[in-house]
Structures are given as C-alpha cells and as structure tokens.
Amino acid sequence: MYGKKEERNNQVVSLWSTGDYTLEEIGQRYHITRERVRQIISANGGISSDEKRSISMEKLKKDVANLRAEGYNVSEISDITNTCCKVIKKYFEPKDIDWYYHRFMRSVTVDSTTGCWLFNDRKKRVSVKIEHSYTYLYRVIWEHLRGKIPDKMCLLHSCDNPACVNPDHEFLGTFLDVLKNRDAKGRGKFWLGKIKARQNAKTHAAL
C-alpha cells in the first residue's frame, strides 16, 4: 500500500514539474483533491513559489501560442484561459499573414453555384487592417496559400466577383494587364469618358 502511494506521489510531482498540468487536473487524474495534490508536492521536495509562477507562465505562453495559431484574438483567449487581457498581450507575437488567414477564414463561406469564397456574404471587396495599414482580404489569402505577391504585380479576378477571395479564381498580372482586362470586359468606358472630359477642359483653358 505504501509503495503504491509512493509511486503515485512521484508521478504527481513529475506531472507538476512539467508545467503542462494544473493542480486540479492532476487531482482529477488520481482522484484526489486539489489541496492534497499541493500537499504531496510540498512534502516531496516541492518547488518554490517563483518556480511555480515560472512554470504556470510557460504553460500559459504555450496555450496562447496554440490559440493564436487557430486565429483567436486577445479577448477570446482571455476568456478561454481565464487570464487578464494585459497578461495575454505579453505573449502575443506580431501577427503575420498566417494568423490573419486563419482568423478571417472562419467567416468565409463558399457559394455552391459559382465556387466563390465570400467573407460574411458581402458583395463588395473586403479590406482588413494588418499591423498599421489596410490591405484586401483576397491578397492575404493568396499570400498564405500561394506565396508572396511579387512587387509591381496585381491580382486579377477571373470570376468578375470583386468580393471573391478564392485564389483559384485569381491570377497574377501587371497593372497594364488590369487595364487590358478592364477594357476587354467593357468596364473602362466611364473612366475613358472622364479622362477625355479633362483633356477637353485643359484644351479649352489653354485657348
């Protein structure tokens, strides 16, 4: 009987030292109370309060990293881990394209008819704030799945749906390709009229 308790106590101390389990989780595993777990740890060369804090902070850091990778924001992680938002922010690394991809893809739905990916069923192009600037959501998703967009290159939509963020409906091209694509589909007449009107106004002003 004593040997079994000794073995259990060693396992309790071992689990606690990893920092992956709380006192309550260890207690549930061995069907003992949280206070009994604390007593076992203290009686078997327990760790100091500073070491306990360090271990718990390391566990929190791992949890935050895992939840952040899944796209949760500070407020949501705070609710899940029961931790103050200020503490959570300490373990938040700068957000990258991958983080935003997972964050926004949770709100993307697929149109079964056209195959378009729509963000919250919006009909207009969606822009999102990354760090201190705004960019379009379809560029974020493209860079996550296909790699970084080269300099001076644009993304053109083959489906002609500005709100679509499906990379299979997009292709790379120069700004000149954008203009040619626009004119080929008859969408440039309005702007051509505006340009001609400005040119005529300048000509009359010069006269």
N, C-alpha and C. Protein backbone atom coordinates (compact mmCIF):
# COMPACT_ATOMS: atom_id res chain seq x y z
N MET A 1 0.83 -1.20 0.00
CA MET A 1 0.00 0.00 0.00
C MET A 1 0.87 1.26 0.00
N TYR A 2 1.90 1.21 0.88
CA TYR A 2 2.80 2.36 0.96
C TYR A 2 3.55 2.56 -0.35
N GLY A 3 3.93 1.43 -0.96
CA GLY A 3 4.66 1.51 -2.23
C GLY A 3 3.82 2.15 -3.32
N LYS A 4 2.52 1.85 -3.36
CA LYS A 4 1.64 2.42 -4.36
C LYS A 4 1.48 3.93 -4.16
N LYS A 5 1.37 4.35 -2.88
CA LYS A 5 1.24 5.78 -2.60
C LYS A 5 2.51 6.52 -2.99
N GLU A 6 3.65 5.88 -2.69
CA GLU A 6 4.94 6.50 -3.02
C GLU A 6 5.06 6.68 -4.54
N GLU A 7 4.63 5.67 -5.26
CA GLU A 7 4.69 5.74 -6.72
C GLU A 7 3.75 6.83 -7.25
N ARG A 8 2.56 6.90 -6.65
CA ARG A 8 1.61 7.93 -7.05
C ARG A 8 2.15 9.32 -6.77
N ASN A 9 2.73 9.49 -5.58
CA ASN A 9 3.28 10.80 -5.22
C ASN A 9 4.39 11.23 -6.18
N ASN A 10 5.22 10.28 -6.56
CA ASN A 10 6.30 10.59 -7.51
C ASN A 10 5.73 11.01 -8.86
N GLN A 11 4.65 10.34 -9.26
CA GLN A 11 4.01 10.69 -10.54
C GLN A 11 3.37 12.07 -10.48
N VAL A 12 2.77 12.38 -9.31
CA VAL A 12 2.16 13.69 -9.13
C VAL A 12 3.20 14.79 -9.25
N VAL A 13 4.33 14.60 -8.55
CA VAL A 13 5.41 15.59 -8.60
C VAL A 13 5.97 15.72 -10.01
N SER A 14 6.09 14.59 -10.69
CA SER A 14 6.63 14.59 -12.04
C SER A 14 5.71 15.35 -13.00
N LEU A 15 4.40 15.12 -12.88
CA LEU A 15 3.45 15.82 -13.74
C LEU A 15 3.46 17.33 -13.47
N TRP A 16 3.52 17.67 -12.20
CA TRP A 16 3.51 19.10 -11.84
C TRP A 16 4.77 19.81 -12.35
N SER A 17 5.88 19.13 -12.31
CA SER A 17 7.15 19.74 -12.72
C SER A 17 7.21 20.01 -14.22
N THR A 18 6.38 19.32 -15.01
CA THR A 18 6.38 19.56 -16.45
C THR A 18 5.74 20.90 -16.80
N GLY A 19 4.86 21.37 -15.92
CA GLY A 19 4.18 22.63 -16.18
C GLY A 19 3.01 22.52 -17.13
N ASP A 20 2.68 21.31 -17.54
CA ASP A 20 1.58 21.10 -18.50
C ASP A 20 0.24 20.84 -17.82
N TYR A 21 0.25 20.66 -16.49
CA TYR A 21 -0.97 20.31 -15.77
C TYR A 21 -1.16 21.25 -14.59
N THR A 22 -2.41 21.57 -14.30
CA THR A 22 -2.72 22.34 -13.09
C THR A 22 -2.93 21.38 -11.93
N LEU A 23 -3.02 21.94 -10.72
CA LEU A 23 -3.27 21.11 -9.54
C LEU A 23 -4.60 20.37 -9.67
N GLU A 24 -5.59 21.07 -10.19
CA GLU A 24 -6.92 20.47 -10.33
C GLU A 24 -6.90 19.32 -11.33
N GLU A 25 -6.18 19.50 -12.46
CA GLU A 25 -6.10 18.44 -13.48
C GLU A 25 -5.39 17.21 -12.94
N ILE A 26 -4.33 17.42 -12.15
CA ILE A 26 -3.62 16.29 -11.56
C ILE A 26 -4.51 15.57 -10.56
N GLY A 27 -5.27 16.36 -9.76
CA GLY A 27 -6.16 15.77 -8.79
C GLY A 27 -7.23 14.91 -9.44
N GLN A 28 -7.78 15.38 -10.54
CA GLN A 28 -8.81 14.60 -11.24
C GLN A 28 -8.22 13.31 -11.82
N ARG A 29 -6.97 13.38 -12.20
CA ARG A 29 -6.33 12.20 -12.78
C ARG A 29 -6.14 11.09 -11.75
N TYR A 30 -5.83 11.48 -10.51
CA TYR A 30 -5.57 10.48 -9.45
C TYR A 30 -6.69 10.42 -8.42
N HIS A 31 -7.81 11.10 -8.70
CA HIS A 31 -8.99 11.06 -7.82
C HIS A 31 -8.68 11.55 -6.42
N ILE A 32 -7.94 12.65 -6.34
CA ILE A 32 -7.65 13.29 -5.06
C ILE A 32 -7.96 14.78 -5.20
N THR A 33 -8.05 15.47 -4.07
CA THR A 33 -8.41 16.88 -4.11
C THR A 33 -7.22 17.74 -4.55
N ARG A 34 -7.55 18.95 -4.93
CA ARG A 34 -6.51 19.90 -5.33
C ARG A 34 -5.57 20.20 -4.17
N GLU A 35 -6.12 20.33 -2.97
CA GLU A 35 -5.30 20.60 -1.78
C GLU A 35 -4.36 19.44 -1.49
N ARG A 36 -4.84 18.20 -1.68
CA ARG A 36 -3.99 17.03 -1.45
C ARG A 36 -2.83 17.00 -2.43
N VAL A 37 -3.08 17.40 -3.67
CA VAL A 37 -2.00 17.47 -4.67
C VAL A 37 -0.94 18.47 -4.21
N ARG A 38 -1.40 19.63 -3.71
CA ARG A 38 -0.46 20.65 -3.24
C ARG A 38 0.38 20.12 -2.08
N GLN A 39 -0.27 19.37 -1.16
CA GLN A 39 0.45 18.81 -0.02
C GLN A 39 1.50 17.79 -0.47
N ILE A 40 1.15 16.96 -1.43
CA ILE A 40 2.09 15.96 -1.94
C ILE A 40 3.31 16.64 -2.56
N ILE A 41 3.06 17.68 -3.33
CA ILE A 41 4.17 18.38 -3.99
C ILE A 41 5.07 19.05 -2.95
N SER A 42 4.45 19.66 -1.95
CA SER A 42 5.23 20.32 -0.90
C SER A 42 6.04 19.33 -0.08
N ALA A 43 5.45 18.15 0.19
CA ALA A 43 6.12 17.16 1.02
C ALA A 43 7.22 16.40 0.28
N ASN A 44 7.21 16.45 -1.03
CA ASN A 44 8.19 15.71 -1.81
C ASN A 44 9.11 16.66 -2.58
N GLY A 45 9.73 17.54 -1.81
CA GLY A 45 10.67 18.47 -2.43
C GLY A 45 9.98 19.42 -3.37
N GLY A 46 8.86 19.98 -2.89
CA GLY A 46 8.08 20.88 -3.74
C GLY A 46 8.88 22.08 -4.22
N ILE A 47 8.40 22.70 -5.27
CA ILE A 47 9.11 23.82 -5.86
C ILE A 47 8.68 25.12 -5.20
N SER A 48 9.51 26.14 -5.33
CA SER A 48 9.22 27.43 -4.71
C SER A 48 8.11 28.15 -5.45
N SER A 49 7.60 29.20 -4.82
CA SER A 49 6.51 29.96 -5.45
C SER A 49 6.96 30.63 -6.75
N ASP A 50 8.23 31.07 -6.81
CA ASP A 50 8.74 31.68 -8.03
C ASP A 50 8.82 30.66 -9.16
N GLU A 51 9.23 29.45 -8.81
CA GLU A 51 9.31 28.39 -9.82
C GLU A 51 7.91 27.99 -10.29
N LYS A 52 6.95 27.96 -9.37
CA LYS A 52 5.58 27.66 -9.74
C LYS A 52 5.05 28.70 -10.74
N ARG A 53 5.33 29.96 -10.43
CA ARG A 53 4.87 31.04 -11.31
C ARG A 53 5.52 30.91 -12.69
N SER A 54 6.81 30.58 -12.71
CA SER A 54 7.53 30.44 -13.97
C SER A 54 6.93 29.31 -14.82
N ILE A 55 6.63 28.18 -14.16
CA ILE A 55 6.04 27.03 -14.87
C ILE A 55 4.65 27.38 -15.39
N SER A 56 3.85 28.04 -14.57
CA SER A 56 2.49 28.39 -15.00
C SER A 56 2.52 29.39 -16.14
N MET A 57 3.50 30.32 -16.12
CA MET A 57 3.62 31.28 -17.20
C MET A 57 4.05 30.61 -18.50
N GLU A 58 4.92 29.61 -18.40
CA GLU A 58 5.35 28.87 -19.59
C GLU A 58 4.17 28.11 -20.20
N LYS A 59 3.33 27.53 -19.33
CA LYS A 59 2.14 26.82 -19.81
C LYS A 59 1.18 27.79 -20.49
N LEU A 60 1.01 28.97 -19.87
CA LEU A 60 0.13 29.98 -20.45
C LEU A 60 0.66 30.43 -21.81
N LYS A 61 1.98 30.59 -21.90
CA LYS A 61 2.59 31.02 -23.15
C LYS A 61 2.32 30.00 -24.26
N LYS A 62 2.42 28.70 -23.93
CA LYS A 62 2.14 27.66 -24.92
C LYS A 62 0.67 27.69 -25.34
N ASP A 63 -0.22 27.84 -24.35
CA ASP A 63 -1.65 27.88 -24.65
C ASP A 63 -1.99 29.07 -25.55
N VAL A 64 -1.41 30.23 -25.24
CA VAL A 64 -1.66 31.43 -26.03
C VAL A 64 -1.17 31.22 -27.46
N ALA A 65 0.02 30.63 -27.61
CA ALA A 65 0.58 30.40 -28.95
C ALA A 65 -0.31 29.46 -29.75
N ASN A 66 -0.84 28.42 -29.11
CA ASN A 66 -1.70 27.46 -29.81
C ASN A 66 -3.03 28.11 -30.22
N LEU A 67 -3.61 28.87 -29.30
CA LEU A 67 -4.89 29.53 -29.60
C LEU A 67 -4.71 30.64 -30.64
N ARG A 68 -3.59 31.33 -30.56
CA ARG A 68 -3.30 32.39 -31.53
C ARG A 68 -3.16 31.80 -32.93
N ALA A 69 -2.53 30.62 -33.02
CA ALA A 69 -2.35 29.96 -34.32
C ALA A 69 -3.69 29.56 -34.93
N GLU A 70 -4.69 29.35 -34.08
CA GLU A 70 -6.02 28.99 -34.56
C GLU A 70 -6.86 30.21 -34.91
N GLY A 71 -6.29 31.41 -34.69
CA GLY A 71 -6.98 32.63 -35.12
C GLY A 71 -7.77 33.35 -34.05
N TYR A 72 -7.63 32.97 -32.78
CA TYR A 72 -8.36 33.65 -31.71
C TYR A 72 -7.69 34.98 -31.38
N ASN A 73 -8.50 35.98 -31.02
CA ASN A 73 -7.93 37.26 -30.64
C ASN A 73 -7.69 37.33 -29.14
N VAL A 74 -7.18 38.47 -28.67
CA VAL A 74 -6.79 38.62 -27.26
C VAL A 74 -7.98 38.38 -26.33
N SER A 75 -9.12 39.00 -26.65
CA SER A 75 -10.30 38.89 -25.79
C SER A 75 -10.78 37.44 -25.68
N GLU A 76 -10.79 36.74 -26.81
CA GLU A 76 -11.26 35.35 -26.82
C GLU A 76 -10.31 34.44 -26.02
N ILE A 77 -9.00 34.66 -26.20
CA ILE A 77 -8.02 33.86 -25.45
C ILE A 77 -8.12 34.15 -23.96
N SER A 78 -8.39 35.41 -23.62
CA SER A 78 -8.55 35.79 -22.21
C SER A 78 -9.72 35.04 -21.59
N ASP A 79 -10.83 34.90 -22.32
CA ASP A 79 -12.00 34.18 -21.81
C ASP A 79 -11.71 32.69 -21.67
N ILE A 80 -10.98 32.12 -22.65
CA ILE A 80 -10.71 30.69 -22.63
C ILE A 80 -9.76 30.31 -21.49
N THR A 81 -8.73 31.13 -21.29
CA THR A 81 -7.70 30.81 -20.28
C THR A 81 -7.97 31.45 -18.92
N ASN A 82 -9.05 32.24 -18.84
CA ASN A 82 -9.36 32.94 -17.59
C ASN A 82 -8.18 33.79 -17.10
N THR A 83 -7.61 34.53 -18.02
CA THR A 83 -6.44 35.35 -17.73
C THR A 83 -6.70 36.78 -18.21
N CYS A 84 -6.13 37.75 -17.50
CA CYS A 84 -6.31 39.15 -17.84
C CYS A 84 -5.76 39.44 -19.25
N CYS A 85 -6.43 40.32 -19.98
CA CYS A 85 -6.01 40.67 -21.35
C CYS A 85 -4.60 41.25 -21.37
N LYS A 86 -4.24 42.02 -20.34
CA LYS A 86 -2.91 42.62 -20.31
C LYS A 86 -1.82 41.55 -20.25
N VAL A 87 -2.08 40.47 -19.52
CA VAL A 87 -1.11 39.37 -19.44
C VAL A 87 -1.05 38.64 -20.78
N ILE A 88 -2.20 38.43 -21.40
CA ILE A 88 -2.24 37.73 -22.69
C ILE A 88 -1.43 38.49 -23.74
N LYS A 89 -1.55 39.83 -23.75
CA LYS A 89 -0.87 40.65 -24.75
C LYS A 89 0.65 40.50 -24.69
N LYS A 90 1.18 40.16 -23.51
CA LYS A 90 2.63 39.99 -23.37
C LYS A 90 3.14 38.84 -24.22
N TYR A 91 2.29 37.85 -24.44
CA TYR A 91 2.71 36.65 -25.17
C TYR A 91 2.21 36.67 -26.62
N PHE A 92 1.67 37.81 -27.05
CA PHE A 92 1.22 37.92 -28.42
C PHE A 92 2.36 38.41 -29.29
N GLU A 93 2.84 37.56 -30.18
CA GLU A 93 3.87 37.96 -31.12
C GLU A 93 3.22 38.79 -32.23
N PRO A 94 4.02 39.54 -33.00
CA PRO A 94 3.44 40.30 -34.12
C PRO A 94 2.65 39.38 -35.06
N LYS A 95 1.50 39.81 -35.45
CA LYS A 95 0.65 38.99 -36.30
C LYS A 95 1.22 38.91 -37.71
N ASP A 96 1.16 37.74 -38.32
CA ASP A 96 1.64 37.56 -39.68
C ASP A 96 0.49 37.15 -40.59
N ILE A 97 0.81 36.90 -41.85
CA ILE A 97 -0.21 36.55 -42.84
C ILE A 97 -0.95 35.28 -42.43
N ASP A 98 -0.22 34.29 -41.87
CA ASP A 98 -0.85 33.03 -41.48
C ASP A 98 -1.92 33.26 -40.42
N TRP A 99 -1.60 34.13 -39.45
CA TRP A 99 -2.57 34.40 -38.38
C TRP A 99 -3.83 35.02 -38.95
N TYR A 100 -3.69 35.99 -39.82
CA TYR A 100 -4.86 36.65 -40.39
C TYR A 100 -5.65 35.70 -41.27
N TYR A 101 -4.94 34.80 -41.97
CA TYR A 101 -5.64 33.82 -42.81
C TYR A 101 -6.59 32.98 -41.97
N HIS A 102 -6.08 32.41 -40.87
CA HIS A 102 -6.92 31.56 -40.02
C HIS A 102 -8.03 32.37 -39.35
N ARG A 103 -7.71 33.62 -39.03
CA ARG A 103 -8.69 34.48 -38.36
C ARG A 103 -9.88 34.77 -39.28
N PHE A 104 -9.60 35.15 -40.53
CA PHE A 104 -10.67 35.58 -41.42
C PHE A 104 -11.36 34.42 -42.12
N MET A 105 -10.66 33.29 -42.30
CA MET A 105 -11.27 32.16 -42.99
C MET A 105 -12.43 31.57 -42.19
N ARG A 106 -12.49 31.85 -40.91
CA ARG A 106 -13.62 31.37 -40.11
C ARG A 106 -14.93 32.03 -40.52
N SER A 107 -14.83 33.19 -41.21
CA SER A 107 -16.04 33.92 -41.63
C SER A 107 -16.26 33.82 -43.13
N VAL A 108 -15.52 32.94 -43.80
CA VAL A 108 -15.66 32.80 -45.26
C VAL A 108 -16.62 31.65 -45.57
N THR A 109 -17.55 31.90 -46.45
CA THR A 109 -18.48 30.87 -46.90
C THR A 109 -18.29 30.64 -48.40
N VAL A 110 -18.62 29.44 -48.86
CA VAL A 110 -18.43 29.07 -50.27
C VAL A 110 -19.77 29.09 -50.98
N ASP A 111 -19.82 29.81 -52.10
CA ASP A 111 -21.02 29.84 -52.93
C ASP A 111 -21.06 28.54 -53.73
N SER A 112 -22.05 27.70 -53.48
CA SER A 112 -22.12 26.38 -54.12
C SER A 112 -22.34 26.48 -55.63
N THR A 113 -22.89 27.59 -56.09
CA THR A 113 -23.17 27.75 -57.52
C THR A 113 -21.93 28.18 -58.30
N THR A 114 -21.25 29.23 -57.80
CA THR A 114 -20.11 29.81 -58.53
C THR A 114 -18.77 29.31 -58.02
N GLY A 115 -18.75 28.80 -56.78
CA GLY A 115 -17.48 28.38 -56.18
C GLY A 115 -16.71 29.53 -55.57
N CYS A 116 -17.31 30.73 -55.53
CA CYS A 116 -16.65 31.90 -54.95
C CYS A 116 -16.59 31.79 -53.43
N TRP A 117 -15.51 32.28 -52.85
CA TRP A 117 -15.39 32.38 -51.40
C TRP A 117 -15.80 33.79 -51.01
N LEU A 118 -16.82 33.90 -50.16
CA LEU A 118 -17.34 35.20 -49.77
C LEU A 118 -17.17 35.41 -48.28
N PHE A 119 -16.66 36.59 -47.90
CA PHE A 119 -16.44 36.92 -46.49
C PHE A 119 -17.72 37.53 -45.92
N ASN A 120 -18.34 36.78 -45.00
CA ASN A 120 -19.60 37.22 -44.37
C ASN A 120 -20.67 37.56 -45.42
N ASP A 121 -20.62 36.85 -46.56
CA ASP A 121 -21.61 37.03 -47.63
C ASP A 121 -21.67 38.48 -48.14
N ARG A 122 -20.56 39.19 -48.04
CA ARG A 122 -20.53 40.57 -48.55
C ARG A 122 -20.45 40.57 -50.07
N LYS A 123 -20.95 41.66 -50.68
CA LYS A 123 -20.95 41.75 -52.13
C LYS A 123 -19.88 42.70 -52.65
N LYS A 124 -19.16 43.36 -51.74
CA LYS A 124 -18.10 44.28 -52.14
C LYS A 124 -16.75 43.75 -51.65
N ARG A 125 -15.70 44.30 -52.24
CA ARG A 125 -14.34 43.90 -51.87
C ARG A 125 -14.08 44.22 -50.41
N VAL A 126 -13.47 43.27 -49.69
CA VAL A 126 -13.25 43.40 -48.25
C VAL A 126 -11.81 43.79 -47.98
N SER A 127 -11.63 44.85 -47.21
CA SER A 127 -10.28 45.25 -46.78
C SER A 127 -10.12 44.96 -45.30
N VAL A 128 -8.92 44.59 -44.89
CA VAL A 128 -8.64 44.25 -43.50
C VAL A 128 -7.40 45.01 -43.05
N LYS A 129 -7.32 45.27 -41.75
CA LYS A 129 -6.18 46.01 -41.20
C LYS A 129 -5.13 45.02 -40.70
N ILE A 130 -3.93 45.12 -41.24
CA ILE A 130 -2.80 44.30 -40.81
C ILE A 130 -1.72 45.23 -40.31
N GLU A 131 -1.33 45.05 -39.06
CA GLU A 131 -0.40 45.96 -38.40
C GLU A 131 -0.98 47.38 -38.45
N HIS A 132 -0.36 48.28 -39.24
CA HIS A 132 -0.82 49.67 -39.24
C HIS A 132 -1.35 50.11 -40.61
N SER A 133 -1.61 49.18 -41.49
CA SER A 133 -2.10 49.53 -42.82
C SER A 133 -3.21 48.56 -43.23
N TYR A 134 -3.95 48.96 -44.25
CA TYR A 134 -5.05 48.15 -44.75
C TYR A 134 -4.65 47.44 -46.04
N THR A 135 -5.15 46.25 -46.23
CA THR A 135 -4.96 45.51 -47.45
C THR A 135 -6.21 44.70 -47.74
N TYR A 136 -6.31 44.19 -48.96
CA TYR A 136 -7.51 43.43 -49.30
C TYR A 136 -7.39 41.99 -48.82
N LEU A 137 -8.52 41.43 -48.41
CA LEU A 137 -8.53 40.08 -47.85
C LEU A 137 -8.09 39.05 -48.89
N TYR A 138 -8.44 39.26 -50.16
CA TYR A 138 -8.06 38.26 -51.17
C TYR A 138 -6.55 38.19 -51.35
N ARG A 139 -5.84 39.30 -51.06
CA ARG A 139 -4.38 39.29 -51.13
C ARG A 139 -3.79 38.51 -49.95
N VAL A 140 -4.42 38.63 -48.77
CA VAL A 140 -3.98 37.89 -47.58
C VAL A 140 -4.08 36.38 -47.82
N ILE A 141 -5.22 35.95 -48.35
CA ILE A 141 -5.45 34.52 -48.59
C ILE A 141 -4.52 34.00 -49.68
N TRP A 142 -4.32 34.80 -50.73
CA TRP A 142 -3.40 34.38 -51.80
C TRP A 142 -1.99 34.17 -51.25
N GLU A 143 -1.49 35.12 -50.47
CA GLU A 143 -0.12 35.04 -49.96
C GLU A 143 0.05 33.88 -48.99
N HIS A 144 -1.02 33.52 -48.28
CA HIS A 144 -0.93 32.37 -47.38
C HIS A 144 -0.85 31.06 -48.16
N LEU A 145 -1.64 30.94 -49.22
CA LEU A 145 -1.73 29.68 -49.96
C LEU A 145 -0.75 29.58 -51.13
N ARG A 146 -0.42 30.70 -51.76
CA ARG A 146 0.39 30.67 -52.98
C ARG A 146 1.75 31.34 -52.83
N GLY A 147 1.96 32.05 -51.73
CA GLY A 147 3.24 32.75 -51.56
C GLY A 147 3.08 34.25 -51.79
N LYS A 148 4.14 34.97 -51.50
CA LYS A 148 4.11 36.44 -51.57
C LYS A 148 3.89 36.92 -53.00
N ILE A 149 3.09 37.96 -53.13
CA ILE A 149 2.83 38.56 -54.43
C ILE A 149 4.05 39.39 -54.83
N PRO A 150 4.62 39.15 -56.01
CA PRO A 150 5.81 39.91 -56.43
C PRO A 150 5.54 41.41 -56.51
N ASP A 151 6.59 42.20 -56.38
CA ASP A 151 6.44 43.65 -56.50
C ASP A 151 5.92 44.02 -57.88
N LYS A 152 5.11 45.06 -57.92
CA LYS A 152 4.54 45.59 -59.16
C LYS A 152 3.62 44.59 -59.87
N MET A 153 3.14 43.60 -59.13
CA MET A 153 2.19 42.64 -59.69
C MET A 153 0.85 42.78 -59.00
N CYS A 154 -0.22 42.52 -59.74
CA CYS A 154 -1.58 42.64 -59.22
C CYS A 154 -2.28 41.29 -59.32
N LEU A 155 -3.40 41.20 -58.61
CA LEU A 155 -4.24 40.01 -58.70
C LEU A 155 -5.50 40.35 -59.47
N LEU A 156 -5.78 39.57 -60.51
CA LEU A 156 -6.97 39.78 -61.32
C LEU A 156 -7.97 38.66 -61.06
N HIS A 157 -9.25 39.01 -61.10
CA HIS A 157 -10.31 38.03 -60.87
C HIS A 157 -10.83 37.47 -62.19
N SER A 158 -10.84 36.17 -62.30
CA SER A 158 -11.40 35.54 -63.50
C SER A 158 -12.91 35.39 -63.38
N CYS A 159 -13.43 35.42 -62.15
CA CYS A 159 -14.87 35.24 -61.93
C CYS A 159 -15.63 36.57 -61.97
N ASP A 160 -14.90 37.69 -62.04
CA ASP A 160 -15.51 39.03 -62.08
C ASP A 160 -16.39 39.31 -60.87
N ASN A 161 -16.05 38.71 -59.74
CA ASN A 161 -16.77 38.98 -58.49
C ASN A 161 -15.79 39.67 -57.54
N PRO A 162 -15.92 40.99 -57.34
CA PRO A 162 -14.96 41.73 -56.51
C PRO A 162 -14.86 41.20 -55.08
N ALA A 163 -15.95 40.60 -54.58
CA ALA A 163 -15.95 40.12 -53.20
C ALA A 163 -15.32 38.74 -53.04
N CYS A 164 -15.02 38.06 -54.15
CA CYS A 164 -14.49 36.69 -54.09
C CYS A 164 -13.05 36.70 -53.60
N VAL A 165 -12.72 35.78 -52.68
CA VAL A 165 -11.36 35.66 -52.16
C VAL A 165 -10.78 34.28 -52.46
N ASN A 166 -11.38 33.55 -53.39
CA ASN A 166 -10.90 32.22 -53.76
C ASN A 166 -9.68 32.36 -54.66
N PRO A 167 -8.51 31.86 -54.26
CA PRO A 167 -7.31 32.01 -55.09
C PRO A 167 -7.40 31.28 -56.42
N ASP A 168 -8.28 30.28 -56.52
CA ASP A 168 -8.46 29.58 -57.80
C ASP A 168 -9.16 30.46 -58.83
N HIS A 169 -9.78 31.54 -58.36
CA HIS A 169 -10.47 32.46 -59.27
C HIS A 169 -9.62 33.70 -59.54
N GLU A 170 -8.34 33.64 -59.22
CA GLU A 170 -7.45 34.79 -59.38
C GLU A 170 -6.20 34.40 -60.15
N PHE A 171 -5.56 35.39 -60.76
CA PHE A 171 -4.29 35.14 -61.44
C PHE A 171 -3.46 36.42 -61.39
N LEU A 172 -2.15 36.24 -61.47
CA LEU A 172 -1.23 37.37 -61.37
C LEU A 172 -1.14 38.11 -62.71
N GLY A 173 -0.93 39.41 -62.63
CA GLY A 173 -0.75 40.22 -63.83
C GLY A 173 -0.22 41.59 -63.46
N THR A 174 0.28 42.31 -64.45
CA THR A 174 0.76 43.66 -64.24
C THR A 174 -0.41 44.64 -64.24
N PHE A 175 -0.11 45.89 -63.91
CA PHE A 175 -1.17 46.90 -63.92
C PHE A 175 -1.69 47.10 -65.34
N LEU A 176 -0.81 46.93 -66.34
CA LEU A 176 -1.26 47.01 -67.73
C LEU A 176 -2.24 45.89 -68.05
N ASP A 177 -1.99 44.71 -67.49
CA ASP A 177 -2.94 43.59 -67.68
C ASP A 177 -4.29 43.91 -67.06
N VAL A 178 -4.26 44.61 -65.94
CA VAL A 178 -5.52 45.02 -65.29
C VAL A 178 -6.31 45.94 -66.22
N LEU A 179 -5.62 46.90 -66.82
CA LEU A 179 -6.30 47.83 -67.72
C LEU A 179 -6.84 47.12 -68.96
N LYS A 180 -6.04 46.20 -69.51
CA LYS A 180 -6.49 45.45 -70.68
C LYS A 180 -7.69 44.57 -70.34
N ASN A 181 -7.64 43.94 -69.19
CA ASN A 181 -8.75 43.09 -68.74
C ASN A 181 -10.02 43.92 -68.53
N ARG A 182 -9.83 45.11 -67.97
CA ARG A 182 -10.97 46.02 -67.75
C ARG A 182 -11.59 46.44 -69.08
N ASP A 183 -10.74 46.84 -70.03
CA ASP A 183 -11.26 47.31 -71.32
C ASP A 183 -11.90 46.17 -72.11
N ALA A 184 -11.30 44.95 -72.00
CA ALA A 184 -11.84 43.81 -72.75
C ALA A 184 -13.24 43.44 -72.27
N LYS A 185 -13.52 43.74 -71.00
CA LYS A 185 -14.84 43.40 -70.43
C LYS A 185 -15.78 44.60 -70.41
N GLY A 186 -15.34 45.68 -71.06
CA GLY A 186 -16.23 46.84 -71.21
C GLY A 186 -16.47 47.63 -69.96
N ARG A 187 -15.50 47.60 -69.04
CA ARG A 187 -15.70 48.35 -67.79
C ARG A 187 -14.91 49.65 -67.76
N GLY A 188 -14.22 49.99 -68.85
CA GLY A 188 -13.36 51.17 -68.84
C GLY A 188 -13.96 52.38 -69.51
N LYS A 189 -15.18 52.27 -70.04
CA LYS A 189 -15.77 53.37 -70.78
C LYS A 189 -16.02 54.59 -69.91
N PHE A 190 -16.46 54.38 -68.70
CA PHE A 190 -16.75 55.51 -67.80
C PHE A 190 -15.50 56.34 -67.56
N TRP A 191 -14.38 55.63 -67.25
CA TRP A 191 -13.14 56.34 -66.94
C TRP A 191 -12.54 56.98 -68.18
N LEU A 192 -12.70 56.34 -69.35
CA LEU A 192 -12.21 56.95 -70.58
C LEU A 192 -12.96 58.26 -70.84
N GLY A 193 -14.25 58.27 -70.56
CA GLY A 193 -15.04 59.49 -70.72
C GLY A 193 -14.57 60.59 -69.79
N LYS A 194 -14.24 60.22 -68.55
CA LYS A 194 -13.76 61.21 -67.59
C LYS A 194 -12.43 61.80 -68.05
N ILE A 195 -11.53 60.93 -68.54
CA ILE A 195 -10.21 61.38 -68.99
C ILE A 195 -10.36 62.33 -70.18
N LYS A 196 -11.21 61.96 -71.15
CA LYS A 196 -11.42 62.81 -72.33
C LYS A 196 -12.00 64.15 -71.92
N ALA A 197 -12.90 64.15 -70.95
CA ALA A 197 -13.50 65.40 -70.48
C ALA A 197 -12.44 66.32 -69.87
N ARG A 198 -11.51 65.75 -69.11
CA ARG A 198 -10.44 66.55 -68.52
C ARG A 198 -9.53 67.11 -69.60
N GLN A 199 -9.22 66.28 -70.59
CA GLN A 199 -8.36 66.74 -71.66
C GLN A 199 -9.01 67.88 -72.46
N ASN A 200 -10.30 67.76 -72.72
CA ASN A 200 -11.02 68.83 -73.41
C ASN A 200 -11.05 70.10 -72.60
N ALA A 201 -11.21 69.94 -71.26
CA ALA A 201 -11.25 71.13 -70.38
C ALA A 201 -9.90 71.85 -70.41
N LYS A 202 -8.81 71.07 -70.39
CA LYS A 202 -7.48 71.68 -70.43
C LYS A 202 -7.25 72.38 -71.77
N THR A 203 -7.73 71.76 -72.87
CA THR A 203 -7.56 72.36 -74.20
C THR A 203 -8.30 73.69 -74.30
N HIS A 204 -9.53 73.72 -73.78
CA HIS A 204 -10.31 74.97 -73.81
C HIS A 204 -9.68 76.03 -72.92
N ALA A 205 -9.12 75.62 -71.79
CA ALA A 205 -8.49 76.59 -70.88
C ALA A 205 -7.26 77.20 -71.53
N ALA A 206 -6.54 76.38 -72.30
CA ALA A 206 -5.33 76.89 -72.96
C ALA A 206 -5.68 77.88 -74.05
N LEU A 207 -6.82 77.69 -74.69
CA LEU A 207 -7.26 78.61 -75.74
C LEU A 207 -7.75 79.92 -75.13
